Amino acid sequence: MSSRSHWEAVYRSRSTQAVSWYRPHLDVSLALLRQAGLDASTRLVDVGGGASTLVDDLLELGLTDITVLDLSRTALDVARERLGTRGKAVRWLAGDLLEADFVPAAFDLWHDRAVLHFLAAPEDTARYAAQVMCALRPGGHAVIGGFAPDGPERCSGLPVARRSPADIASVLGPAFRLVGVSTERHITPAGTAQIFAYALLERR
């Protein structure tokens, strides 16, 4: 099964509030985005955003330049339906972020909660880093979170690469400076604890 087919199957078979990564608000992400200077004028891309509620909170904060990219069109449709007419203000992209044709320096902020941790092959992590480098303006920031070294070994039935904030920074390379870190003890809807690690990185 391809990655796209896997995620389409997940979102077609389960409620978005039942998936293990669901949170009503991405509090840790929002705190790090604010640390990076988030305001109403920020141009932000949420990669792997799918049906996440982050876009709801960003709209509430007054942002008008939001892009949500996800492999699963079904997940994006869930978010659009939830937002109703407010969703018309968001740019929705269904596709693989490794293949996305980003406009250079199009964004001030890049947000990723639990996409990078699915990438382990050197060619994939190198491509990911190149995509962040392209999409972010100089001085822009990336907030990237995934399972910590003491987090689960799998997510949604797939193996993951567990990383510390320093490990995440290493993936992005010397063009980025680690300026903030955070951890999260996420409790899944089923009551299981998962440890996440987050890195806030500035593009030099």
N, C-alpha and C. Protein backbone atom coordinates (compact mmCIF):
# COMPACT_ATOMS: atom_id res chain seq x y z
N MET A 1 0.85 -1.19 0.00
CA MET A 1 0.00 0.00 0.00
C MET A 1 0.88 1.25 0.00
N SER A 2 0.58 2.21 -0.87
CA SER A 2 1.34 3.46 -0.91
C SER A 2 1.03 4.30 0.32
N SER A 3 1.90 5.28 0.59
CA SER A 3 1.65 6.18 1.73
C SER A 3 0.33 6.90 1.57
N ARG A 4 0.05 7.36 0.35
CA ARG A 4 -1.22 8.07 0.12
C ARG A 4 -2.41 7.18 0.42
N SER A 5 -2.36 5.93 -0.07
CA SER A 5 -3.46 4.99 0.16
C SER A 5 -3.63 4.68 1.64
N HIS A 6 -2.49 4.57 2.34
CA HIS A 6 -2.55 4.28 3.78
C HIS A 6 -3.32 5.37 4.50
N TRP A 7 -2.97 6.63 4.23
CA TRP A 7 -3.60 7.72 4.98
C TRP A 7 -5.04 7.96 4.54
N GLU A 8 -5.33 7.73 3.28
CA GLU A 8 -6.73 7.82 2.86
C GLU A 8 -7.56 6.77 3.60
N ALA A 9 -7.01 5.56 3.73
CA ALA A 9 -7.74 4.50 4.43
C ALA A 9 -7.95 4.85 5.90
N VAL A 10 -6.94 5.45 6.53
CA VAL A 10 -7.05 5.84 7.94
C VAL A 10 -8.20 6.82 8.13
N TYR A 11 -8.23 7.86 7.30
CA TYR A 11 -9.23 8.91 7.50
C TYR A 11 -10.62 8.52 7.01
N ARG A 12 -10.70 7.52 6.16
CA ARG A 12 -12.01 7.05 5.72
C ARG A 12 -12.63 6.05 6.70
N SER A 13 -11.77 5.43 7.52
CA SER A 13 -12.26 4.37 8.41
C SER A 13 -12.40 4.80 9.87
N ARG A 14 -11.83 5.96 10.24
CA ARG A 14 -11.84 6.35 11.64
C ARG A 14 -12.22 7.81 11.79
N SER A 15 -12.91 8.11 12.87
CA SER A 15 -13.21 9.50 13.20
C SER A 15 -11.91 10.24 13.49
N THR A 16 -11.86 11.50 13.09
CA THR A 16 -10.64 12.27 13.33
C THR A 16 -10.37 12.46 14.82
N GLN A 17 -11.41 12.37 15.64
CA GLN A 17 -11.22 12.51 17.08
C GLN A 17 -10.83 11.19 17.75
N ALA A 18 -10.73 10.11 16.94
CA ALA A 18 -10.35 8.81 17.48
C ALA A 18 -8.92 8.43 17.12
N VAL A 19 -8.29 9.13 16.17
CA VAL A 19 -6.92 8.79 15.79
C VAL A 19 -5.98 9.16 16.94
N SER A 20 -4.88 8.44 17.04
CA SER A 20 -4.02 8.54 18.23
C SER A 20 -3.42 9.93 18.41
N TRP A 21 -3.21 10.66 17.33
CA TRP A 21 -2.54 11.95 17.41
C TRP A 21 -3.50 13.12 17.65
N TYR A 22 -4.79 12.84 17.78
CA TYR A 22 -5.76 13.92 17.92
C TYR A 22 -5.56 14.70 19.21
N ARG A 23 -5.61 16.02 19.08
CA ARG A 23 -5.69 16.93 20.23
C ARG A 23 -6.67 18.04 19.85
N PRO A 24 -7.50 18.48 20.80
CA PRO A 24 -8.44 19.56 20.47
C PRO A 24 -7.72 20.87 20.14
N HIS A 25 -6.55 21.07 20.73
CA HIS A 25 -5.71 22.24 20.42
C HIS A 25 -4.25 21.80 20.48
N LEU A 26 -3.44 22.28 19.53
CA LEU A 26 -2.01 21.95 19.54
C LEU A 26 -1.27 23.00 20.36
N ASP A 27 -1.41 22.89 21.68
CA ASP A 27 -0.91 23.93 22.58
C ASP A 27 0.60 24.13 22.48
N VAL A 28 1.35 23.02 22.41
CA VAL A 28 2.81 23.14 22.34
C VAL A 28 3.22 23.81 21.04
N SER A 29 2.63 23.39 19.95
CA SER A 29 2.92 24.01 18.66
C SER A 29 2.61 25.50 18.69
N LEU A 30 1.44 25.86 19.22
CA LEU A 30 1.06 27.26 19.25
C LEU A 30 2.02 28.09 20.09
N ALA A 31 2.48 27.54 21.21
CA ALA A 31 3.44 28.26 22.05
C ALA A 31 4.75 28.51 21.30
N LEU A 32 5.22 27.51 20.58
CA LEU A 32 6.47 27.67 19.83
C LEU A 32 6.28 28.60 18.64
N LEU A 33 5.13 28.54 17.99
CA LEU A 33 4.86 29.46 16.89
C LEU A 33 4.82 30.90 17.40
N ARG A 34 4.24 31.10 18.56
CA ARG A 34 4.23 32.45 19.15
C ARG A 34 5.66 32.89 19.48
N GLN A 35 6.47 31.97 19.99
CA GLN A 35 7.86 32.28 20.28
C GLN A 35 8.60 32.73 19.02
N ALA A 36 8.18 32.19 17.89
CA ALA A 36 8.81 32.53 16.61
C ALA A 36 8.28 33.83 16.03
N GLY A 37 7.29 34.44 16.68
CA GLY A 37 6.78 35.72 16.22
C GLY A 37 5.46 35.67 15.49
N LEU A 38 4.70 34.60 15.68
CA LEU A 38 3.40 34.45 15.02
C LEU A 38 2.51 35.66 15.27
N ASP A 39 1.95 36.21 14.18
CA ASP A 39 0.94 37.25 14.31
C ASP A 39 0.03 37.18 13.08
N ALA A 40 -0.91 38.10 12.99
CA ALA A 40 -1.92 38.02 11.93
C ALA A 40 -1.32 38.11 10.53
N SER A 41 -0.14 38.71 10.41
CA SER A 41 0.46 38.88 9.08
C SER A 41 1.34 37.70 8.67
N THR A 42 1.50 36.71 9.54
CA THR A 42 2.39 35.59 9.28
C THR A 42 1.89 34.74 8.11
N ARG A 43 2.81 34.36 7.25
CA ARG A 43 2.54 33.41 6.16
C ARG A 43 2.99 32.04 6.65
N LEU A 44 2.06 31.12 6.81
CA LEU A 44 2.36 29.85 7.46
C LEU A 44 1.92 28.66 6.62
N VAL A 45 2.76 27.62 6.60
CA VAL A 45 2.38 26.36 5.98
C VAL A 45 2.39 25.27 7.06
N ASP A 46 1.32 24.50 7.11
CA ASP A 46 1.19 23.37 8.04
C ASP A 46 1.28 22.10 7.21
N VAL A 47 2.44 21.44 7.22
CA VAL A 47 2.63 20.24 6.41
C VAL A 47 2.13 19.03 7.19
N GLY A 48 1.40 18.17 6.51
CA GLY A 48 0.76 17.07 7.21
C GLY A 48 -0.37 17.53 8.09
N GLY A 49 -0.89 18.73 7.81
CA GLY A 49 -1.92 19.32 8.65
C GLY A 49 -3.23 18.56 8.65
N GLY A 50 -3.57 17.97 7.51
CA GLY A 50 -4.76 17.12 7.42
C GLY A 50 -5.98 17.70 8.10
N ALA A 51 -6.54 16.93 9.02
CA ALA A 51 -7.74 17.33 9.75
C ALA A 51 -7.42 18.02 11.07
N SER A 52 -6.16 18.38 11.28
CA SER A 52 -5.74 19.00 12.53
C SER A 52 -6.52 20.28 12.83
N THR A 53 -6.67 20.58 14.11
CA THR A 53 -7.38 21.79 14.54
C THR A 53 -6.49 23.02 14.59
N LEU A 54 -5.21 22.87 14.23
CA LEU A 54 -4.32 24.03 14.27
C LEU A 54 -4.85 25.15 13.39
N VAL A 55 -5.36 24.81 12.22
CA VAL A 55 -5.85 25.83 11.30
C VAL A 55 -7.00 26.61 11.93
N ASP A 56 -7.85 25.96 12.72
CA ASP A 56 -8.95 26.65 13.39
C ASP A 56 -8.41 27.75 14.30
N ASP A 57 -7.39 27.39 15.09
CA ASP A 57 -6.82 28.35 16.04
C ASP A 57 -6.08 29.48 15.32
N LEU A 58 -5.43 29.16 14.21
CA LEU A 58 -4.73 30.20 13.45
C LEU A 58 -5.72 31.20 12.86
N LEU A 59 -6.85 30.71 12.37
CA LEU A 59 -7.88 31.62 11.87
C LEU A 59 -8.44 32.49 12.99
N GLU A 60 -8.62 31.90 14.17
CA GLU A 60 -9.10 32.67 15.31
C GLU A 60 -8.11 33.78 15.68
N LEU A 61 -6.82 33.54 15.44
CA LEU A 61 -5.80 34.54 15.74
C LEU A 61 -5.69 35.60 14.65
N GLY A 62 -6.47 35.43 13.58
CA GLY A 62 -6.52 36.46 12.55
C GLY A 62 -5.60 36.25 11.37
N LEU A 63 -4.95 35.09 11.27
CA LEU A 63 -4.08 34.85 10.13
C LEU A 63 -4.89 34.76 8.84
N THR A 64 -4.34 35.31 7.77
CA THR A 64 -5.04 35.33 6.49
C THR A 64 -4.26 34.63 5.38
N ASP A 65 -3.04 34.17 5.69
CA ASP A 65 -2.21 33.49 4.69
C ASP A 65 -1.77 32.14 5.26
N ILE A 66 -2.67 31.16 5.18
CA ILE A 66 -2.45 29.82 5.74
C ILE A 66 -2.54 28.80 4.61
N THR A 67 -1.54 27.92 4.55
CA THR A 67 -1.55 26.80 3.62
C THR A 67 -1.51 25.51 4.43
N VAL A 68 -2.40 24.58 4.13
CA VAL A 68 -2.40 23.26 4.77
C VAL A 68 -2.15 22.22 3.68
N LEU A 69 -1.09 21.43 3.86
CA LEU A 69 -0.72 20.41 2.89
C LEU A 69 -0.80 19.04 3.54
N ASP A 70 -1.38 18.07 2.83
CA ASP A 70 -1.47 16.72 3.38
C ASP A 70 -1.57 15.72 2.24
N LEU A 71 -1.07 14.51 2.49
CA LEU A 71 -1.21 13.44 1.51
C LEU A 71 -2.67 13.05 1.29
N SER A 72 -3.47 13.16 2.35
CA SER A 72 -4.84 12.67 2.30
C SER A 72 -5.83 13.79 1.96
N ARG A 73 -6.44 13.67 0.81
CA ARG A 73 -7.49 14.62 0.44
C ARG A 73 -8.69 14.49 1.38
N THR A 74 -8.94 13.25 1.85
CA THR A 74 -10.05 13.02 2.77
C THR A 74 -9.85 13.81 4.05
N ALA A 75 -8.62 13.81 4.59
CA ALA A 75 -8.34 14.56 5.82
C ALA A 75 -8.56 16.05 5.61
N LEU A 76 -8.12 16.56 4.47
CA LEU A 76 -8.32 17.98 4.18
C LEU A 76 -9.81 18.31 4.06
N ASP A 77 -10.56 17.40 3.47
CA ASP A 77 -12.01 17.62 3.33
C ASP A 77 -12.69 17.68 4.70
N VAL A 78 -12.20 16.86 5.65
CA VAL A 78 -12.75 16.90 7.00
C VAL A 78 -12.56 18.29 7.62
N ALA A 79 -11.36 18.83 7.47
CA ALA A 79 -11.08 20.15 8.04
C ALA A 79 -11.90 21.23 7.34
N ARG A 80 -12.00 21.15 6.03
CA ARG A 80 -12.78 22.14 5.30
C ARG A 80 -14.25 22.12 5.71
N GLU A 81 -14.79 20.93 5.87
CA GLU A 81 -16.20 20.81 6.28
C GLU A 81 -16.39 21.37 7.69
N ARG A 82 -15.43 21.09 8.57
CA ARG A 82 -15.53 21.58 9.94
C ARG A 82 -15.51 23.11 9.99
N LEU A 83 -14.69 23.71 9.15
CA LEU A 83 -14.53 25.17 9.17
C LEU A 83 -15.65 25.89 8.45
N GLY A 84 -16.34 25.21 7.55
CA GLY A 84 -17.41 25.87 6.81
C GLY A 84 -16.88 27.00 5.95
N THR A 85 -17.55 28.13 5.97
CA THR A 85 -17.15 29.24 5.11
C THR A 85 -15.78 29.78 5.49
N ARG A 86 -15.37 29.61 6.75
CA ARG A 86 -14.04 30.09 7.15
C ARG A 86 -12.94 29.37 6.40
N GLY A 87 -13.21 28.13 5.96
CA GLY A 87 -12.21 27.35 5.25
C GLY A 87 -11.84 27.92 3.90
N LYS A 88 -12.67 28.82 3.37
CA LYS A 88 -12.38 29.41 2.07
C LYS A 88 -11.17 30.34 2.13
N ALA A 89 -10.79 30.73 3.33
CA ALA A 89 -9.64 31.61 3.49
C ALA A 89 -8.32 30.85 3.51
N VAL A 90 -8.39 29.52 3.49
CA VAL A 90 -7.20 28.67 3.61
C VAL A 90 -6.86 28.08 2.25
N ARG A 91 -5.57 27.95 1.97
CA ARG A 91 -5.11 27.27 0.77
C ARG A 91 -4.90 25.80 1.10
N TRP A 92 -5.65 24.91 0.48
CA TRP A 92 -5.59 23.48 0.77
C TRP A 92 -4.86 22.76 -0.35
N LEU A 93 -3.82 22.00 -0.01
CA LEU A 93 -3.03 21.30 -1.01
C LEU A 93 -2.97 19.81 -0.66
N ALA A 94 -3.42 18.97 -1.57
CA ALA A 94 -3.33 17.52 -1.38
C ALA A 94 -2.11 17.03 -2.16
N GLY A 95 -1.12 16.49 -1.44
CA GLY A 95 0.07 16.01 -2.12
C GLY A 95 1.17 15.66 -1.14
N ASP A 96 2.26 15.15 -1.68
CA ASP A 96 3.43 14.74 -0.91
C ASP A 96 4.34 15.94 -0.74
N LEU A 97 4.66 16.29 0.50
CA LEU A 97 5.49 17.48 0.72
C LEU A 97 6.86 17.32 0.09
N LEU A 98 7.35 16.09 -0.07
CA LEU A 98 8.66 15.88 -0.68
C LEU A 98 8.65 16.21 -2.17
N GLU A 99 7.47 16.24 -2.76
CA GLU A 99 7.33 16.53 -4.18
C GLU A 99 6.67 17.88 -4.45
N ALA A 100 6.27 18.56 -3.40
CA ALA A 100 5.55 19.82 -3.56
C ALA A 100 6.43 20.87 -4.23
N ASP A 101 5.81 21.68 -5.07
CA ASP A 101 6.51 22.73 -5.79
C ASP A 101 6.34 24.05 -5.03
N PHE A 102 7.11 24.22 -3.96
CA PHE A 102 6.99 25.42 -3.14
C PHE A 102 7.60 26.63 -3.85
N VAL A 103 6.93 27.75 -3.73
CA VAL A 103 7.51 29.01 -4.19
C VAL A 103 8.62 29.39 -3.21
N PRO A 104 9.82 29.71 -3.70
CA PRO A 104 10.92 30.04 -2.79
C PRO A 104 10.56 31.19 -1.85
N ALA A 105 10.91 31.01 -0.57
CA ALA A 105 10.72 32.04 0.46
C ALA A 105 9.26 32.47 0.61
N ALA A 106 8.33 31.55 0.35
CA ALA A 106 6.91 31.90 0.38
C ALA A 106 6.35 32.02 1.79
N PHE A 107 7.06 31.45 2.79
CA PHE A 107 6.49 31.38 4.13
C PHE A 107 7.43 31.93 5.19
N ASP A 108 6.79 32.46 6.25
CA ASP A 108 7.52 32.89 7.44
C ASP A 108 7.67 31.75 8.44
N LEU A 109 6.68 30.86 8.45
CA LEU A 109 6.67 29.75 9.42
C LEU A 109 6.29 28.44 8.74
N TRP A 110 7.00 27.40 9.13
CA TRP A 110 6.74 26.03 8.67
C TRP A 110 6.37 25.22 9.90
N HIS A 111 5.22 24.54 9.88
CA HIS A 111 4.82 23.72 11.02
C HIS A 111 4.64 22.28 10.59
N ASP A 112 5.19 21.38 11.40
CA ASP A 112 5.10 19.94 11.14
C ASP A 112 4.99 19.22 12.48
N ARG A 113 3.82 18.66 12.73
CA ARG A 113 3.66 17.78 13.89
C ARG A 113 3.46 16.36 13.38
N ALA A 114 4.55 15.59 13.47
CA ALA A 114 4.51 14.15 13.18
C ALA A 114 4.47 13.79 11.70
N VAL A 115 5.21 14.54 10.87
CA VAL A 115 5.47 14.10 9.50
C VAL A 115 6.92 13.64 9.37
N LEU A 116 7.85 14.48 9.79
CA LEU A 116 9.27 14.13 9.68
C LEU A 116 9.56 12.79 10.35
N HIS A 117 8.85 12.47 11.44
CA HIS A 117 9.20 11.23 12.13
C HIS A 117 8.87 9.98 11.31
N PHE A 118 8.12 10.12 10.21
CA PHE A 118 7.90 8.99 9.32
C PHE A 118 9.03 8.85 8.29
N LEU A 119 9.93 9.80 8.26
CA LEU A 119 11.02 9.79 7.27
C LEU A 119 12.32 9.37 7.94
N ALA A 120 12.92 8.29 7.44
CA ALA A 120 14.17 7.80 8.01
C ALA A 120 15.26 7.66 6.96
N ALA A 121 14.90 7.35 5.72
CA ALA A 121 15.89 7.16 4.67
C ALA A 121 16.65 8.46 4.41
N PRO A 122 17.97 8.42 4.27
CA PRO A 122 18.75 9.64 4.07
C PRO A 122 18.27 10.49 2.90
N GLU A 123 17.84 9.85 1.82
CA GLU A 123 17.39 10.62 0.66
C GLU A 123 16.08 11.36 0.98
N ASP A 124 15.25 10.78 1.83
CA ASP A 124 14.00 11.44 2.21
C ASP A 124 14.24 12.59 3.17
N THR A 125 15.11 12.39 4.15
CA THR A 125 15.38 13.48 5.10
C THR A 125 16.12 14.62 4.41
N ALA A 126 16.98 14.30 3.45
CA ALA A 126 17.68 15.35 2.71
C ALA A 126 16.69 16.16 1.87
N ARG A 127 15.75 15.48 1.27
CA ARG A 127 14.73 16.17 0.47
C ARG A 127 13.84 17.02 1.36
N TYR A 128 13.49 16.50 2.52
CA TYR A 128 12.68 17.26 3.48
C TYR A 128 13.40 18.56 3.84
N ALA A 129 14.68 18.45 4.20
CA ALA A 129 15.46 19.64 4.57
C ALA A 129 15.50 20.64 3.43
N ALA A 130 15.65 20.15 2.20
CA ALA A 130 15.70 21.04 1.04
C ALA A 130 14.36 21.75 0.84
N GLN A 131 13.27 21.05 1.12
CA GLN A 131 11.95 21.66 0.98
C GLN A 131 11.73 22.77 2.01
N VAL A 132 12.15 22.53 3.24
CA VAL A 132 12.04 23.58 4.26
C VAL A 132 12.89 24.78 3.87
N MET A 133 14.10 24.50 3.42
CA MET A 133 15.03 25.56 3.02
C MET A 133 14.43 26.40 1.90
N CYS A 134 13.78 25.75 0.94
CA CYS A 134 13.17 26.47 -0.18
C CYS A 134 11.97 27.29 0.29
N ALA A 135 11.10 26.67 1.06
CA ALA A 135 9.81 27.30 1.38
C ALA A 135 9.92 28.48 2.33
N LEU A 136 10.90 28.43 3.24
CA LEU A 136 11.02 29.48 4.26
C LEU A 136 11.89 30.64 3.78
N ARG A 137 11.49 31.83 4.13
CA ARG A 137 12.34 32.99 3.87
C ARG A 137 13.52 32.99 4.82
N PRO A 138 14.64 33.64 4.47
CA PRO A 138 15.73 33.81 5.44
C PRO A 138 15.21 34.52 6.68
N GLY A 139 15.54 34.00 7.85
CA GLY A 139 15.02 34.53 9.10
C GLY A 139 13.71 33.92 9.51
N GLY A 140 13.12 33.09 8.64
CA GLY A 140 11.89 32.39 8.98
C GLY A 140 12.16 31.24 9.94
N HIS A 141 11.10 30.65 10.45
CA HIS A 141 11.23 29.61 11.47
C HIS A 141 10.44 28.35 11.12
N ALA A 142 10.94 27.23 11.60
CA ALA A 142 10.25 25.95 11.48
C ALA A 142 9.98 25.39 12.86
N VAL A 143 8.77 24.94 13.09
CA VAL A 143 8.39 24.22 14.31
C VAL A 143 8.11 22.79 13.89
N ILE A 144 8.95 21.87 14.37
CA ILE A 144 8.87 20.47 13.94
C ILE A 144 8.80 19.58 15.17
N GLY A 145 7.78 18.74 15.24
CA GLY A 145 7.61 17.83 16.36
C GLY A 145 7.39 16.41 15.89
N GLY A 146 7.83 15.47 16.71
CA GLY A 146 7.63 14.06 16.42
C GLY A 146 7.94 13.24 17.66
N PHE A 147 7.86 11.94 17.55
CA PHE A 147 8.11 11.11 18.71
C PHE A 147 9.54 11.29 19.21
N ALA A 148 9.67 11.47 20.52
CA ALA A 148 10.96 11.64 21.18
C ALA A 148 11.68 10.30 21.26
N PRO A 149 12.97 10.31 21.64
CA PRO A 149 13.72 9.06 21.76
C PRO A 149 13.06 8.04 22.69
N ASP A 150 12.29 8.51 23.67
CA ASP A 150 11.57 7.58 24.55
C ASP A 150 10.09 7.47 24.19
N GLY A 151 9.75 7.88 22.97
CA GLY A 151 8.39 7.77 22.48
C GLY A 151 8.15 6.43 21.81
N PRO A 152 6.96 6.21 21.28
CA PRO A 152 6.63 4.94 20.61
C PRO A 152 7.51 4.69 19.39
N GLU A 153 7.63 3.45 19.03
CA GLU A 153 8.42 3.06 17.86
C GLU A 153 7.58 3.05 16.58
N ARG A 154 6.26 3.12 16.73
CA ARG A 154 5.38 3.08 15.56
C ARG A 154 4.25 4.10 15.74
N CYS A 155 3.71 4.55 14.62
CA CYS A 155 2.55 5.45 14.63
C CYS A 155 1.64 5.03 13.49
N SER A 156 0.37 4.84 13.78
CA SER A 156 -0.60 4.42 12.78
C SER A 156 -0.15 3.16 12.05
N GLY A 157 0.52 2.26 12.77
CA GLY A 157 0.97 1.01 12.19
C GLY A 157 2.25 1.09 11.39
N LEU A 158 2.85 2.29 11.31
CA LEU A 158 4.07 2.48 10.54
C LEU A 158 5.26 2.75 11.46
N PRO A 159 6.47 2.30 11.09
CA PRO A 159 7.65 2.60 11.89
C PRO A 159 8.00 4.08 11.81
N VAL A 160 8.57 4.60 12.89
CA VAL A 160 8.96 6.00 12.91
C VAL A 160 10.42 6.13 13.34
N ALA A 161 11.00 7.27 13.01
CA ALA A 161 12.34 7.63 13.48
C ALA A 161 12.18 8.55 14.68
N ARG A 162 12.52 8.06 15.87
CA ARG A 162 12.39 8.87 17.08
C ARG A 162 13.59 9.82 17.19
N ARG A 163 13.31 11.09 17.48
CA ARG A 163 14.38 12.09 17.47
C ARG A 163 14.23 13.08 18.63
N SER A 164 15.35 13.54 19.13
CA SER A 164 15.40 14.65 20.07
C SER A 164 15.36 15.96 19.28
N PRO A 165 15.16 17.10 19.94
CA PRO A 165 15.24 18.37 19.21
C PRO A 165 16.57 18.56 18.49
N ALA A 166 17.67 18.12 19.12
CA ALA A 166 18.97 18.23 18.46
C ALA A 166 19.04 17.34 17.22
N ASP A 167 18.41 16.18 17.29
CA ASP A 167 18.36 15.30 16.13
C ASP A 167 17.58 15.94 14.99
N ILE A 168 16.48 16.58 15.33
CA ILE A 168 15.68 17.27 14.31
C ILE A 168 16.50 18.38 13.66
N ALA A 169 17.22 19.13 14.49
CA ALA A 169 18.08 20.20 13.97
C ALA A 169 19.16 19.63 13.05
N SER A 170 19.67 18.46 13.39
CA SER A 170 20.69 17.82 12.57
C SER A 170 20.15 17.46 11.19
N VAL A 171 18.88 17.04 11.13
CA VAL A 171 18.27 16.72 9.85
C VAL A 171 18.23 17.96 8.96
N LEU A 172 17.90 19.10 9.53
CA LEU A 172 17.79 20.31 8.72
C LEU A 172 19.15 20.89 8.34
N GLY A 173 20.17 20.62 9.15
CA GLY A 173 21.52 20.99 8.78
C GLY A 173 21.93 22.39 9.21
N PRO A 174 23.14 22.80 8.79
CA PRO A 174 23.74 24.05 9.29
C PRO A 174 23.04 25.31 8.82
N ALA A 175 22.15 25.21 7.86
CA ALA A 175 21.42 26.40 7.42
C ALA A 175 20.36 26.82 8.44
N PHE A 176 20.17 26.00 9.48
CA PHE A 176 19.17 26.29 10.50
C PHE A 176 19.80 26.28 11.89
N ARG A 177 19.30 27.18 12.73
CA ARG A 177 19.80 27.30 14.10
C ARG A 177 18.69 26.90 15.07
N LEU A 178 19.02 26.01 16.00
CA LEU A 178 18.05 25.58 17.01
C LEU A 178 17.89 26.69 18.05
N VAL A 179 16.68 27.25 18.15
CA VAL A 179 16.46 28.38 19.04
C VAL A 179 15.44 28.09 20.14
N GLY A 180 14.81 26.92 20.09
CA GLY A 180 13.84 26.57 21.12
C GLY A 180 13.52 25.09 21.09
N VAL A 181 13.20 24.55 22.24
CA VAL A 181 12.85 23.13 22.35
C VAL A 181 11.66 22.98 23.29
N SER A 182 10.96 21.86 23.13
CA SER A 182 9.87 21.56 24.03
C SER A 182 9.59 20.06 23.97
N THR A 183 8.94 19.56 25.01
CA THR A 183 8.48 18.17 25.02
C THR A 183 7.00 18.17 25.39
N GLU A 184 6.35 17.09 25.02
CA GLU A 184 4.92 16.98 25.27
C GLU A 184 4.60 15.54 25.64
N ARG A 185 3.83 15.38 26.70
CA ARG A 185 3.31 14.06 27.05
C ARG A 185 1.87 14.02 26.55
N HIS A 186 1.73 13.52 25.36
CA HIS A 186 0.42 13.49 24.70
C HIS A 186 -0.34 12.24 25.14
N ILE A 187 -1.58 12.44 25.53
CA ILE A 187 -2.44 11.31 25.88
C ILE A 187 -3.41 11.08 24.73
N THR A 188 -3.34 9.90 24.14
CA THR A 188 -4.19 9.58 23.00
C THR A 188 -5.64 9.44 23.44
N PRO A 189 -6.58 9.48 22.50
CA PRO A 189 -7.98 9.25 22.86
C PRO A 189 -8.22 7.91 23.55
N ALA A 190 -7.31 6.94 23.33
CA ALA A 190 -7.44 5.63 23.98
C ALA A 190 -6.79 5.62 25.36
N GLY A 191 -6.16 6.74 25.76
CA GLY A 191 -5.57 6.84 27.09
C GLY A 191 -4.11 6.46 27.19
N THR A 192 -3.43 6.27 26.05
CA THR A 192 -2.02 5.92 26.04
C THR A 192 -1.15 7.17 26.00
N ALA A 193 -0.06 7.16 26.78
CA ALA A 193 0.86 8.30 26.79
C ALA A 193 1.89 8.16 25.67
N GLN A 194 2.12 9.25 24.96
CA GLN A 194 3.14 9.31 23.92
C GLN A 194 4.00 10.55 24.16
N ILE A 195 5.31 10.38 24.12
CA ILE A 195 6.22 11.50 24.36
C ILE A 195 6.67 12.08 23.02
N PHE A 196 6.40 13.36 22.84
CA PHE A 196 6.82 14.10 21.66
C PHE A 196 7.98 15.04 22.01
N ALA A 197 8.84 15.27 21.05
CA ALA A 197 9.90 16.28 21.16
C ALA A 197 9.71 17.30 20.03
N TYR A 198 9.92 18.58 20.33
CA TYR A 198 9.74 19.65 19.36
C TYR A 198 11.00 20.49 19.27
N ALA A 199 11.27 20.93 18.05
CA ALA A 199 12.39 21.85 17.81
C ALA A 199 11.85 23.12 17.13
N LEU A 200 12.30 24.26 17.59
CA LEU A 200 12.06 25.54 16.93
C LEU A 200 13.37 25.95 16.29
N LEU A 201 13.35 26.08 14.96
CA LEU A 201 14.57 26.35 14.22
C LEU A 201 14.43 27.62 13.40
N GLU A 202 15.49 28.40 13.34
CA GLU A 202 15.52 29.62 12.54
C GLU A 202 16.38 29.41 11.31
N ARG A 203 15.84 29.77 10.15
CA ARG A 203 16.64 29.71 8.94
C ARG A 203 17.62 30.87 8.91
N ARG A 204 18.88 30.55 8.78
CA ARG A 204 19.91 31.59 8.80
C ARG A 204 19.83 32.46 7.54
